[in-house]
Amino acid sequence: PTVSHHLSILVDAGFLSREKRGKWAWYRAVPERLEMLRSALRA
């Protein structure tokens, strides 16, 4: 598996958003989803 494969999994799960600009893709964390994950791990 490549980095792009793992990034796609995180996008599909909603933890990252992806913006394509030409041949490049920019990834950003989705804070709300990360907070949900943090809360679930604390429980």
C-alpha atoms as a PDB file:
ATOM      1  CA  PRO A   1       0.000   0.000   0.000  1.00  0.00           C
ATOM      2  CA  THR A   2       1.151   3.491  -0.808  1.00  0.00           C
ATOM      3  CA  VAL A   3       0.739   6.746   1.071  1.00  0.00           C
ATOM      4  CA  SER A   4      -1.965   7.804  -1.378  1.00  0.00           C
ATOM      5  CA  HIS A   5      -3.875   4.598  -0.614  1.00  0.00           C
ATOM      6  CA  HIS A   6      -3.789   5.317   3.130  1.00  0.00           C
ATOM      7  CA  LEU A   7      -4.802   8.940   2.567  1.00  0.00           C
ATOM      8  CA  SER A   8      -7.769   7.750   0.501  1.00  0.00           C
ATOM      9  CA  ILE A   9      -8.869   5.504   3.369  1.00  0.00           C
ATOM     10  CA  LEU A  10      -8.746   8.473   5.762  1.00  0.00           C
ATOM     11  CA  VAL A  11     -10.722  10.605   3.278  1.00  0.00           C
ATOM     12  CA  ASP A  12     -13.344   7.860   2.912  1.00  0.00           C
ATOM     13  CA  ALA A  13     -13.602   7.644   6.718  1.00  0.00           C
ATOM     14  CA  GLY A  14     -14.122  11.412   6.932  1.00  0.00           C
ATOM     15  CA  PHE A  15     -10.953  12.219   8.888  1.00  0.00           C
ATOM     16  CA  LEU A  16      -9.365  14.111   5.988  1.00  0.00           C
ATOM     17  CA  SER A  17     -10.719  16.258   3.195  1.00  0.00           C
ATOM     18  CA  ARG A  18      -9.110  16.327  -0.239  1.00  0.00           C
ATOM     19  CA  GLU A  19      -8.962  19.198  -2.700  1.00  0.00           C
ATOM     20  CA  LYS A  20      -7.605  18.441  -6.152  1.00  0.00           C
ATOM     21  CA  ARG A  21      -5.712  21.208  -7.937  1.00  0.00           C
ATOM     22  CA  GLY A  22      -4.575  20.030 -11.335  1.00  0.00           C
ATOM     23  CA  LYS A  23      -2.413  16.963 -10.837  1.00  0.00           C
ATOM     24  CA  TRP A  24      -1.920  17.730  -7.128  1.00  0.00           C
ATOM     25  CA  ALA A  25      -4.150  16.823  -4.200  1.00  0.00           C
ATOM     26  CA  TRP A  26      -4.181  18.826  -0.969  1.00  0.00           C
ATOM     27  CA  TYR A  27      -5.290  17.119   2.236  1.00  0.00           C
ATOM     28  CA  ARG A  28      -6.644  18.699   5.408  1.00  0.00           C
ATOM     29  CA  ALA A  29      -7.727  17.253   8.711  1.00  0.00           C
ATOM     30  CA  VAL A  30     -11.435  17.504   9.548  1.00  0.00           C
ATOM     31  CA  PRO A  31     -11.360  18.776  13.158  1.00  0.00           C
ATOM     32  CA  GLU A  32     -14.905  17.663  14.022  1.00  0.00           C
ATOM     33  CA  ARG A  33     -14.217  14.055  13.003  1.00  0.00           C
ATOM     34  CA  LEU A  34     -10.891  14.019  14.853  1.00  0.00           C
ATOM     35  CA  GLU A  35     -12.637  15.283  17.985  1.00  0.00           C
ATOM     36  CA  MET A  36     -15.208  12.481  17.669  1.00  0.00           C
ATOM     37  CA  LEU A  37     -12.350   9.972  17.433  1.00  0.00           C
ATOM     38  CA  ARG A  38     -10.604  11.490  20.458  1.00  0.00           C
ATOM     39  CA  SER A  39     -13.819  11.305  22.499  1.00  0.00           C
ATOM     40  CA  ALA A  40     -14.407   7.686  21.484  1.00  0.00           C
ATOM     41  CA  LEU A  41     -10.867   6.698  22.457  1.00  0.00           C
ATOM     42  CA  ARG A  42     -11.226   8.340  25.882  1.00  0.00           C
ATOM     43  CA  ALA A  43     -14.396   6.378  26.691  1.00  0.00           C
END
